[in-house]
C-alpha atoms as a PDB file:
ATOM      1  CA  ASN A   1      -0.196   0.006  -0.010  1.00  0.00           C
ATOM      2  CA  VAL A   2       1.819   3.202  -1.165  1.00  0.00           C
ATOM      3  CA  LYS A   3      -0.109   5.389   1.233  1.00  0.00           C
ATOM      4  CA  GLU A   4       1.251   3.178   4.155  1.00  0.00           C
ATOM      5  CA  ALA A   5       4.669   3.149   2.685  1.00  0.00           C
ATOM      6  CA  LEU A   6       4.640   6.952   2.380  1.00  0.00           C
ATOM      7  CA  TRP A   7       3.410   7.337   6.101  1.00  0.00           C
ATOM      8  CA  TRP A   8       6.530   4.934   6.965  1.00  0.00           C
ATOM      9  CA  SER A   9       8.763   6.953   4.827  1.00  0.00           C
ATOM     10  CA  ALA A  10       7.647  10.133   6.745  1.00  0.00           C
ATOM     11  CA  PHE A  11       8.030   8.492  10.178  1.00  0.00           C
ATOM     12  CA  TRP A  12      12.098   7.519   9.487  1.00  0.00           C
ATOM     13  CA  VAL A  13      12.810  10.741   7.957  1.00  0.00           C
ATOM     14  CA  ALA A  14      11.195  12.343  11.180  1.00  0.00           C
ATOM     15  CA  LEU A  15      12.950   9.865  13.334  1.00  0.00           C
ATOM     16  CA  ALA A  16      16.190  11.005  11.823  1.00  0.00           C
ATOM     17  CA  LEU A  17      15.573  14.675  12.059  1.00  0.00           C
ATOM     18  CA  ILE A  18      14.773  14.100  15.764  1.00  0.00           C
ATOM     19  CA  PHE A  19      17.727  12.136  16.561  1.00  0.00           C
ATOM     20  CA  ASN A  20      19.816  14.986  14.687  1.00  0.00           C
ATOM     21  CA  VAL A  21      18.298  17.689  17.253  1.00  0.00           C
ATOM     22  CA  GLY A  22      19.358  15.379  19.995  1.00  0.00           C
ATOM     23  CA  ILE A  23      22.976  15.552  18.603  1.00  0.00           C
ATOM     24  CA  TYR A  24      22.443  19.216  18.422  1.00  0.00           C
ATOM     25  CA  PHE A  25      21.871  19.505  22.116  1.00  0.00           C
ATOM     26  CA  TRP A  26      24.243  16.451  23.139  1.00  0.00           C
ATOM     27  CA  LEU A  27      27.215  17.018  20.988  1.00  0.00           C
ATOM     28  CA  GLY A  28      26.974  20.178  19.518  1.00  0.00           C
ATOM     29  CA  PRO A  29      26.053  22.310  16.320  1.00  0.00           C
ATOM     30  CA  ASP A  30      29.126  21.013  14.261  1.00  0.00           C
ATOM     31  CA  LYS A  31      28.459  17.239  14.967  1.00  0.00           C
ATOM     32  CA  ALA A  32      24.653  17.862  14.041  1.00  0.00           C
ATOM     33  CA  LEU A  33      25.581  19.648  10.779  1.00  0.00           C
ATOM     34  CA  LYS A  34      27.656  17.080   9.813  1.00  0.00           C
ATOM     35  CA  PHE A  35      25.210  14.327  10.673  1.00  0.00           C
ATOM     36  CA  LEU A  36      22.361  16.234   8.502  1.00  0.00           C
ATOM     37  CA  THR A  37      24.987  16.566   5.402  1.00  0.00           C
ATOM     38  CA  GLY A  38      25.953  12.940   5.930  1.00  0.00           C
ATOM     39  CA  TYR A  39      22.258  11.861   6.319  1.00  0.00           C
ATOM     40  CA  LEU A  40      21.105  13.950   2.937  1.00  0.00           C
ATOM     41  CA  LEU A  41      24.087  12.265   1.159  1.00  0.00           C
ATOM     42  CA  GLU A  42      23.508   8.829   2.172  1.00  0.00           C
ATOM     43  CA  LYS A  43      19.823   9.234   1.505  1.00  0.00           C
ATOM     44  CA  SER A  44      20.092  10.496  -2.030  1.00  0.00           C
ATOM     45  CA  LEU A  45      22.553   7.650  -2.811  1.00  0.00           C
ATOM     46  CA  SER A  46      20.258   5.047  -1.424  1.00  0.00           C
ATOM     47  CA  VAL A  47      17.383   6.286  -3.838  1.00  0.00           C
ATOM     48  CA  ASP A  48      19.801   5.680  -6.705  1.00  0.00           C
ATOM     49  CA  ASN A  49      20.165   1.865  -5.116  1.00  0.00           C
ATOM     50  CA  LEU A  50      16.039   1.585  -5.269  1.00  0.00           C
ATOM     51  CA  PHE A  51      16.294   1.488  -9.348  1.00  0.00           C
ATOM     52  CA  VAL A  52      18.755  -1.646  -8.980  1.00  0.00           C
ATOM     53  CA  PHE A  53      16.210  -3.212  -6.475  1.00  0.00           C
ATOM     54  CA  LEU A  54      13.474  -2.746  -8.799  1.00  0.00           C
ATOM     55  CA  LEU A  55      15.574  -4.238 -11.351  1.00  0.00           C
ATOM     56  CA  ILE A  56      16.667  -7.199  -9.351  1.00  0.00           C
ATOM     57  CA  PHE A  57      13.180  -7.759  -8.646  1.00  0.00           C
ATOM     58  CA  SER A  58      11.729  -7.624 -11.862  1.00  0.00           C
ATOM     59  CA  TYR A  59      14.703  -9.942 -13.124  1.00  0.00           C
ATOM     60  CA  PHE A  60      13.661 -12.547 -10.892  1.00  0.00           C
ATOM     61  CA  ARG A  61       9.752 -11.706 -11.125  1.00  0.00           C
ATOM     62  CA  VAL A  62       9.515 -11.632  -7.160  1.00  0.00           C
ATOM     63  CA  PRO A  63       5.907 -11.305  -6.144  1.00  0.00           C
ATOM     64  CA  TYR A  64       5.169  -7.868  -4.421  1.00  0.00           C
ATOM     65  CA  LYS A  65       4.074  -9.806  -1.491  1.00  0.00           C
ATOM     66  CA  TYR A  66       7.194 -11.298  -0.926  1.00  0.00           C
ATOM     67  CA  GLN A  67       9.512  -8.133  -1.619  1.00  0.00           C
ATOM     68  CA  HIS A  68       8.969  -6.819   1.913  1.00  0.00           C
ATOM     69  CA  GLN A  69      10.697  -9.826   3.554  1.00  0.00           C
ATOM     70  CA  VAL A  70      13.468  -9.983   1.263  1.00  0.00           C
ATOM     71  CA  LEU A  71      14.167  -6.237   1.669  1.00  0.00           C
ATOM     72  CA  PHE A  72      13.886  -6.635   5.442  1.00  0.00           C
ATOM     73  CA  TRP A  73      16.870  -8.950   5.549  1.00  0.00           C
ATOM     74  CA  GLY A  74      18.663  -7.132   2.950  1.00  0.00           C
ATOM     75  CA  ILE A  75      18.666  -4.272   5.143  1.00  0.00           C
ATOM     76  CA  LEU A  76      19.795  -5.614   8.272  1.00  0.00           C
ATOM     77  CA  GLY A  77      22.606  -7.576   6.316  1.00  0.00           C
ATOM     78  CA  ALA A  78      23.546  -3.930   4.743  1.00  0.00           C
ATOM     79  CA  LEU A  79      23.503  -2.448   8.311  1.00  0.00           C
ATOM     80  CA  VAL A  80      26.009  -5.071   9.241  1.00  0.00           C
ATOM     81  CA  MET A  81      28.193  -4.551   6.263  1.00  0.00           C
ATOM     82  CA  ARG A  82      28.155  -0.861   6.410  1.00  0.00           C
ATOM     83  CA  LEU A  83      29.498  -0.852   9.808  1.00  0.00           C
ATOM     84  CA  ILE A  84      32.492  -3.220   8.897  1.00  0.00           C
ATOM     85  CA  PHE A  85      33.212  -0.935   5.995  1.00  0.00           C
ATOM     86  CA  ILE A  86      33.095   2.297   7.970  1.00  0.00           C
ATOM     87  CA  LEU A  87      35.306   0.844  10.730  1.00  0.00           C
ATOM     88  CA  ALA A  88      37.948  -0.526   8.142  1.00  0.00           C
ATOM     89  CA  GLY A  89      37.859   2.800   6.164  1.00  0.00           C
ATOM     90  CA  ILE A  90      38.380   5.124   9.229  1.00  0.00           C
ATOM     91  CA  ALA A  91      41.133   2.732  10.243  1.00  0.00           C
ATOM     92  CA  LEU A  92      42.737   2.771   6.901  1.00  0.00           C
ATOM     93  CA  ILE A  93      42.644   6.748   6.744  1.00  0.00           C
ATOM     94  CA  HIS A  94      44.115   6.816  10.173  1.00  0.00           C
ATOM     95  CA  LYS A  95      47.032   4.516   9.648  1.00  0.00           C
ATOM     96  CA  PHE A  96      47.557   5.417   5.876  1.00  0.00           C
ATOM     97  CA  HIS A  97      46.471   8.757   5.165  1.00  0.00           C
ATOM     98  CA  TRP A  98      47.126   8.359   1.505  1.00  0.00           C
ATOM     99  CA  VAL A  99      44.146   6.425   1.425  1.00  0.00           C
ATOM    100  CA  ILE A 100      42.011   9.328   1.393  1.00  0.00           C
ATOM    101  CA  TYR A 101      43.207   9.897  -2.398  1.00  0.00           C
ATOM    102  CA  ILE A 102      42.222   6.425  -3.225  1.00  0.00           C
ATOM    103  CA  MET A 103      38.819   6.876  -1.884  1.00  0.00           C
ATOM    104  CA  ALA A 104      38.559  10.336  -3.685  1.00  0.00           C
ATOM    105  CA  ALA A 105      39.611   8.713  -6.955  1.00  0.00           C
ATOM    106  CA  ILE A 106      36.832   5.994  -6.365  1.00  0.00           C
ATOM    107  CA  LEU A 107      34.120   8.703  -5.700  1.00  0.00           C
ATOM    108  CA  ILE A 108      35.127  10.750  -8.841  1.00  0.00           C
ATOM    109  CA  PHE A 109      35.236   7.756 -11.171  1.00  0.00           C
ATOM    110  CA  SER A 110      31.989   6.404  -9.926  1.00  0.00           C
ATOM    111  CA  GLY A 111      30.371  10.101 -10.065  1.00  0.00           C
ATOM    112  CA  ILE A 112      31.688  10.205 -13.858  1.00  0.00           C
ATOM    113  CA  LYS A 113      30.408   6.613 -14.399  1.00  0.00           C
ATOM    114  CA  LEU A 114      26.908   7.581 -13.072  1.00  0.00           C
ATOM    115  CA  VAL A 115      26.669  10.915 -15.187  1.00  0.00           C
ATOM    116  CA  THR A 116      27.849   8.774 -18.412  1.00  0.00           C
ATOM    117  CA  GLU A 117      25.719   5.539 -18.349  1.00  0.00           C
ATOM    118  CA  LYS A 118      23.117   5.079 -20.376  1.00  0.00           C
ATOM    119  CA  GLU A 119      20.671   2.597 -18.632  1.00  0.00           C
ATOM    120  CA  LYS A 120      20.896   0.616 -15.347  1.00  0.00           C
ATOM    121  CA  GLU A 121      21.399  -3.064 -15.876  1.00  0.00           C
ATOM    122  CA  VAL A 122      21.749  -6.093 -13.634  1.00  0.00           C
ATOM    123  CA  HIS A 123      23.341  -9.363 -14.268  1.00  0.00           C
ATOM    124  CA  PRO A 124      22.768 -11.724 -11.632  1.00  0.00           C
ATOM    125  CA  ASP A 125      24.192 -14.828 -13.698  1.00  0.00           C
ATOM    126  CA  LYS A 126      27.609 -12.880 -13.594  1.00  0.00           C
ATOM    127  CA  ASN A 127      27.441 -12.564 -10.033  1.00  0.00           C
ATOM    128  CA  ILE A 128      30.489 -14.374  -8.621  1.00  0.00           C
ATOM    129  CA  VAL A 129      29.128 -15.102  -5.045  1.00  0.00           C
ATOM    130  CA  LEU A 130      25.930 -16.310  -6.572  1.00  0.00           C
ATOM    131  CA  LYS A 131      27.821 -18.797  -8.992  1.00  0.00           C
ATOM    132  CA  ILE A 132      29.882 -20.102  -5.798  1.00  0.00           C
ATOM    133  CA  PHE A 133      26.582 -20.544  -3.718  1.00  0.00           C
ATOM    134  CA  ARG A 134      24.817 -22.620  -6.545  1.00  0.00           C
ATOM    135  CA  LYS A 135      27.934 -25.187  -6.582  1.00  0.00           C
ATOM    136  CA  PHE A 136      27.251 -26.158  -2.841  1.00  0.00           C
ATOM    137  CA  MET A 137      23.408 -25.788  -2.823  1.00  0.00           C
ATOM    138  CA  PRO A 138      20.699 -26.612  -5.238  1.00  0.00           C
ATOM    139  CA  VAL A 139      18.240 -23.974  -5.998  1.00  0.00           C
ATOM    140  CA  LYS A 140      14.533 -24.464  -6.814  1.00  0.00           C
ATOM    141  CA  ASN A 141      13.104 -22.807  -9.834  1.00  0.00           C
ATOM    142  CA  GLN A 142      10.089 -21.377  -8.572  1.00  0.00           C
ATOM    143  CA  ILE A 143       8.785 -19.268  -5.817  1.00  0.00           C
ATOM    144  CA  GLU A 144       6.417 -21.114  -3.893  1.00  0.00           C
ATOM    145  CA  SER A 145       6.250 -19.393  -0.439  1.00  0.00           C
ATOM    146  CA  ASP A 146       8.189 -16.762   1.609  1.00  0.00           C
ATOM    147  CA  ARG A 147      10.705 -19.315   2.882  1.00  0.00           C
ATOM    148  CA  PHE A 148      14.364 -18.775   2.211  1.00  0.00           C
ATOM    149  CA  VAL A 149      15.375 -22.593   2.371  1.00  0.00           C
ATOM    150  CA  VAL A 150      12.918 -25.496   2.132  1.00  0.00           C
ATOM    151  CA  ARG A 151      13.395 -29.252   2.698  1.00  0.00           C
ATOM    152  CA  GLU A 152      12.248 -31.843   0.339  1.00  0.00           C
ATOM    153  CA  ASN A 153      12.661 -35.500   0.708  1.00  0.00           C
ATOM    154  CA  GLY A 154      15.319 -34.934   3.255  1.00  0.00           C
ATOM    155  CA  LYS A 155      17.316 -32.592   1.003  1.00  0.00           C
ATOM    156  CA  LEU A 156      17.787 -28.740   1.696  1.00  0.00           C
ATOM    157  CA  PHE A 157      17.057 -26.465  -1.155  1.00  0.00           C
ATOM    158  CA  ALA A 158      17.182 -22.788  -1.498  1.00  0.00           C
ATOM    159  CA  THR A 159      14.339 -20.614  -2.942  1.00  0.00           C
ATOM    160  CA  PRO A 160      14.646 -18.003  -5.351  1.00  0.00           C
ATOM    161  CA  LEU A 161      14.055 -15.643  -2.682  1.00  0.00           C
ATOM    162  CA  LEU A 162      17.569 -16.596  -1.043  1.00  0.00           C
ATOM    163  CA  VAL A 163      18.989 -16.027  -4.460  1.00  0.00           C
ATOM    164  CA  VAL A 164      17.613 -12.643  -4.614  1.00  0.00           C
ATOM    165  CA  LEU A 165      18.629 -11.876  -1.192  1.00  0.00           C
ATOM    166  CA  ILE A 166      22.475 -12.793  -1.870  1.00  0.00           C
ATOM    167  CA  VAL A 167      22.174 -10.704  -4.952  1.00  0.00           C
ATOM    168  CA  ILE A 168      20.565  -7.700  -3.259  1.00  0.00           C
ATOM    169  CA  GLU A 169      23.649  -8.306  -0.303  1.00  0.00           C
ATOM    170  CA  THR A 170      26.476  -8.457  -2.726  1.00  0.00           C
ATOM    171  CA  THR A 171      24.838  -5.430  -4.512  1.00  0.00           C
ATOM    172  CA  ASP A 172      25.055  -3.517  -1.641  1.00  0.00           C
ATOM    173  CA  VAL A 173      28.641  -4.577  -1.346  1.00  0.00           C
ATOM    174  CA  ILE A 174      29.194  -2.287  -4.490  1.00  0.00           C
ATOM    175  CA  PHE A 175      27.045   0.500  -3.348  1.00  0.00           C
ATOM    176  CA  ALA A 176      29.241   0.680   0.043  1.00  0.00           C
ATOM    177  CA  ILE A 177      32.219   1.135  -2.089  1.00  0.00           C
ATOM    178  CA  ASP A 178      30.816   4.590  -3.160  1.00  0.00           C
ATOM    179  CA  SER A 179      28.569   5.501  -0.276  1.00  0.00           C
ATOM    180  CA  VAL A 180      31.137   4.873   2.766  1.00  0.00           C
ATOM    181  CA  PRO A 181      33.994   7.124   0.938  1.00  0.00           C
ATOM    182  CA  ALA A 182      31.396   9.796   0.481  1.00  0.00           C
ATOM    183  CA  ILE A 183      30.377  10.065   4.107  1.00  0.00           C
ATOM    184  CA  LEU A 184      34.031   9.783   5.160  1.00  0.00           C
ATOM    185  CA  ALA A 185      34.821  13.035   3.185  1.00  0.00           C
ATOM    186  CA  ILE A 186      32.432  14.739   5.390  1.00  0.00           C
ATOM    187  CA  THR A 187      33.632  13.280   8.857  1.00  0.00           C
ATOM    188  CA  LEU A 188      35.759  10.721  10.300  1.00  0.00           C
ATOM    189  CA  ASP A 189      33.869  10.350  13.565  1.00  0.00           C
ATOM    190  CA  PRO A 190      32.496   6.780  13.717  1.00  0.00           C
ATOM    191  CA  PHE A 191      29.386   7.466  15.627  1.00  0.00           C
ATOM    192  CA  ILE A 192      28.151  10.242  13.130  1.00  0.00           C
ATOM    193  CA  VAL A 193      29.375   8.157   9.932  1.00  0.00           C
ATOM    194  CA  PHE A 194      27.570   5.039  11.120  1.00  0.00           C
ATOM    195  CA  THR A 195      24.328   6.569  12.351  1.00  0.00           C
ATOM    196  CA  SER A 196      23.848   8.849   9.489  1.00  0.00           C
ATOM    197  CA  ASN A 197      24.244   5.736   7.259  1.00  0.00           C
ATOM    198  CA  ALA A 198      22.037   3.591   9.511  1.00  0.00           C
ATOM    199  CA  PHE A 199      19.157   6.143   9.511  1.00  0.00           C
ATOM    200  CA  ALA A 200      19.409   6.547   5.740  1.00  0.00           C
ATOM    201  CA  ILE A 201      19.400   2.657   5.140  1.00  0.00           C
ATOM    202  CA  LEU A 202      16.505   2.213   7.768  1.00  0.00           C
ATOM    203  CA  GLY A 203      13.987   4.129   5.821  1.00  0.00           C
ATOM    204  CA  LEU A 204      15.087   2.355   2.619  1.00  0.00           C
ATOM    205  CA  ARG A 205      12.568  -0.339   2.467  1.00  0.00           C
ATOM    206  CA  ALA A 206       9.446   2.091   3.035  1.00  0.00           C
ATOM    207  CA  LEU A 207      10.758   4.426   0.438  1.00  0.00           C
ATOM    208  CA  TYR A 208      10.956   1.489  -2.023  1.00  0.00           C
ATOM    209  CA  PHE A 209       7.582   0.965  -1.901  1.00  0.00           C
ATOM    210  CA  ALA A 210       6.460   4.424  -1.590  1.00  0.00           C
ATOM    211  CA  LEU A 211       8.314   5.324  -4.985  1.00  0.00           C
ATOM    212  CA  ALA A 212       8.442   1.993  -6.859  1.00  0.00           C
ATOM    213  CA  GLY A 213       5.641   2.941  -9.281  1.00  0.00           C
ATOM    214  CA  VAL A 214       7.150   6.632  -9.949  1.00  0.00           C
ATOM    215  CA  LEU A 215      10.909   5.560  -9.971  1.00  0.00           C
ATOM    216  CA  VAL A 216      11.176   5.861 -13.491  1.00  0.00           C
ATOM    217  CA  LEU A 217       9.978   9.479 -13.454  1.00  0.00           C
ATOM    218  CA  PHE A 218      13.556  10.390 -11.821  1.00  0.00           C
ATOM    219  CA  ARG A 219      15.258  10.314 -15.355  1.00  0.00           C
ATOM    220  CA  PHE A 220      17.777  12.802 -14.307  1.00  0.00           C
ATOM    221  CA  LEU A 221      18.662  11.966 -10.588  1.00  0.00           C
ATOM    222  CA  HIS A 222      21.659   9.789 -11.798  1.00  0.00           C
ATOM    223  CA  TYR A 223      23.336  12.815 -13.049  1.00  0.00           C
ATOM    224  CA  GLY A 224      22.707  14.851 -10.059  1.00  0.00           C
ATOM    225  CA  LEU A 225      24.202  12.035  -7.681  1.00  0.00           C
ATOM    226  CA  GLY A 226      27.184  11.670 -10.109  1.00  0.00           C
ATOM    227  CA  LEU A 227      27.801  15.362  -9.693  1.00  0.00           C
ATOM    228  CA  VAL A 228      27.389  14.805  -5.957  1.00  0.00           C
ATOM    229  CA  LEU A 229      29.883  11.881  -6.006  1.00  0.00           C
ATOM    230  CA  VAL A 230      32.614  13.950  -8.138  1.00  0.00           C
ATOM    231  CA  PHE A 231      32.038  17.078  -5.744  1.00  0.00           C
ATOM    232  CA  VAL A 232      32.684  14.948  -2.667  1.00  0.00           C
ATOM    233  CA  GLY A 233      35.724  13.401  -4.247  1.00  0.00           C
ATOM    234  CA  ILE A 234      36.999  16.732  -4.800  1.00  0.00           C
ATOM    235  CA  LYS A 235      36.487  17.776  -1.400  1.00  0.00           C
ATOM    236  CA  MET A 236      38.367  14.806   0.061  1.00  0.00           C
ATOM    237  CA  ILE A 237      41.384  15.920  -2.365  1.00  0.00           C
ATOM    238  CA  VAL A 238      41.556  19.695  -1.665  1.00  0.00           C
ATOM    239  CA  SER A 239      41.030  19.066   2.238  1.00  0.00           C
ATOM    240  CA  GLU A 240      44.912  19.021   2.919  1.00  0.00           C
ATOM    241  CA  PHE A 241      44.986  22.797   1.911  1.00  0.00           C
ATOM    242  CA  TYR A 242      41.609  23.706   2.209  1.00  0.00           C
ATOM    243  CA  LYS A 243      38.425  22.392   4.155  1.00  0.00           C
ATOM    244  CA  ILE A 244      35.297  23.077   2.529  1.00  0.00           C
ATOM    245  CA  PRO A 245      32.697  24.106   5.486  1.00  0.00           C
ATOM    246  CA  VAL A 246      30.295  21.385   5.960  1.00  0.00           C
ATOM    247  CA  GLY A 247      27.396  24.051   5.605  1.00  0.00           C
ATOM    248  CA  ILE A 248      28.440  24.644   2.030  1.00  0.00           C
ATOM    249  CA  ALA A 249      28.839  20.986   1.155  1.00  0.00           C
ATOM    250  CA  LEU A 250      25.375  20.353   2.540  1.00  0.00           C
ATOM    251  CA  GLY A 251      23.936  23.249   0.550  1.00  0.00           C
ATOM    252  CA  THR A 252      25.945  22.056  -2.687  1.00  0.00           C
ATOM    253  CA  ILE A 253      24.661  18.273  -1.994  1.00  0.00           C
ATOM    254  CA  ALA A 254      20.894  19.595  -1.379  1.00  0.00           C
ATOM    255  CA  VAL A 255      21.120  22.104  -4.629  1.00  0.00           C
ATOM    256  CA  ILE A 256      22.321  19.674  -6.806  1.00  0.00           C
ATOM    257  CA  VAL A 257      19.875  16.697  -5.852  1.00  0.00           C
ATOM    258  CA  SER A 258      16.826  18.909  -5.866  1.00  0.00           C
ATOM    259  CA  ALA A 259      17.779  20.511  -8.977  1.00  0.00           C
ATOM    260  CA  SER A 260      18.115  16.810 -10.675  1.00  0.00           C
ATOM    261  CA  ILE A 261      14.578  15.844  -9.345  1.00  0.00           C
ATOM    262  CA  LEU A 262      12.890  19.009 -10.347  1.00  0.00           C
ATOM    263  CA  ALA A 263      14.480  18.546 -13.993  1.00  0.00           C
ATOM    264  CA  SER A 264      13.143  15.160 -14.032  1.00  0.00           C
ATOM    265  CA  ILE A 265       9.728  16.601 -12.990  1.00  0.00           C
ATOM    266  CA  LEU A 266       9.425  19.552 -15.243  1.00  0.00           C
ATOM    267  CA  ILE A 267      11.361  18.099 -18.322  1.00  0.00           C
ATOM    268  CA  LYS A 268       9.163  15.652 -20.080  1.00  0.00           C
ATOM    269  CA  PRO A 269      10.391  12.532 -21.680  1.00  0.00           C
ATOM    270  CA  LYS A 270      10.570  12.255 -25.541  1.00  0.00           C
ATOM    271  CA  GLU A 271       7.927   9.562 -26.935  1.00  0.00           C
ATOM    272  CA  GLY A 272       9.185   5.879 -26.644  1.00  0.00           C
ATOM    273  CA  LEU A 273      11.634   6.743 -23.860  1.00  0.00           C
ATOM    274  CA  GLY A 274      10.307   4.674 -21.145  1.00  0.00           C
ATOM    275  CA  SER A 275      13.632   2.580 -19.714  1.00  0.00           C
ATOM    276  CA  ILE A 276      15.107   3.121 -16.437  1.00  0.00           C
ATOM    277  CA  THR A 277      17.804   5.423 -16.725  1.00  0.00           C
END
């Protein structure tokens, strides 16, 4: 139900903003501004992830009633992986400062790739983790229930839902390669980095069901997100001799994302263009 999903999306956003107010009074305005910047950045990037989720569900023909469960476990897994990535990234930067330039290069490369890509595609058949998994466990061909594993004649079988979950989890690792360096360009405070990531991810399931029907309308969002990643990458590189104020970074990200969404709404697509871009 789209209306219920919209209410849940609003709830998660409101909860994040309340948490932000708590940070303001508990840790001060600087930390609060960094959390808000990180949250906006991660939330914007997570919207782009929704396109991929939509394609994965379409590719495997996952019924709508089962998508909730897959996303629930997928988001839990994403939280654990993000925490690992964040702690590893911060530790690397503190020990080997030059790693920051590698992260900046990844962001700029990812941003350019987002701007230049023609359309999003998923290729589960090329997923290495999935190929290895299929060698160790047989997979049923059809989705018959909401279970991830079933036992038949004393033998365990993975259901297509478990396959979808594996694809989503491994895809999130790729997302993390972009999103974690992006937030580390804003702050290296583990608490701010993880909580801004967590709040953005926690509202992802509700946001997916709220926007699933209109995702194709955000035709220019990937251009905006690409520019955001390039901007954050440049911010990382120049931080050695000039630190761009967090307030300016927040404003820049907000303007770029808002402009790309507004352009998607105002500029009508040419006839015959209906693909997800």
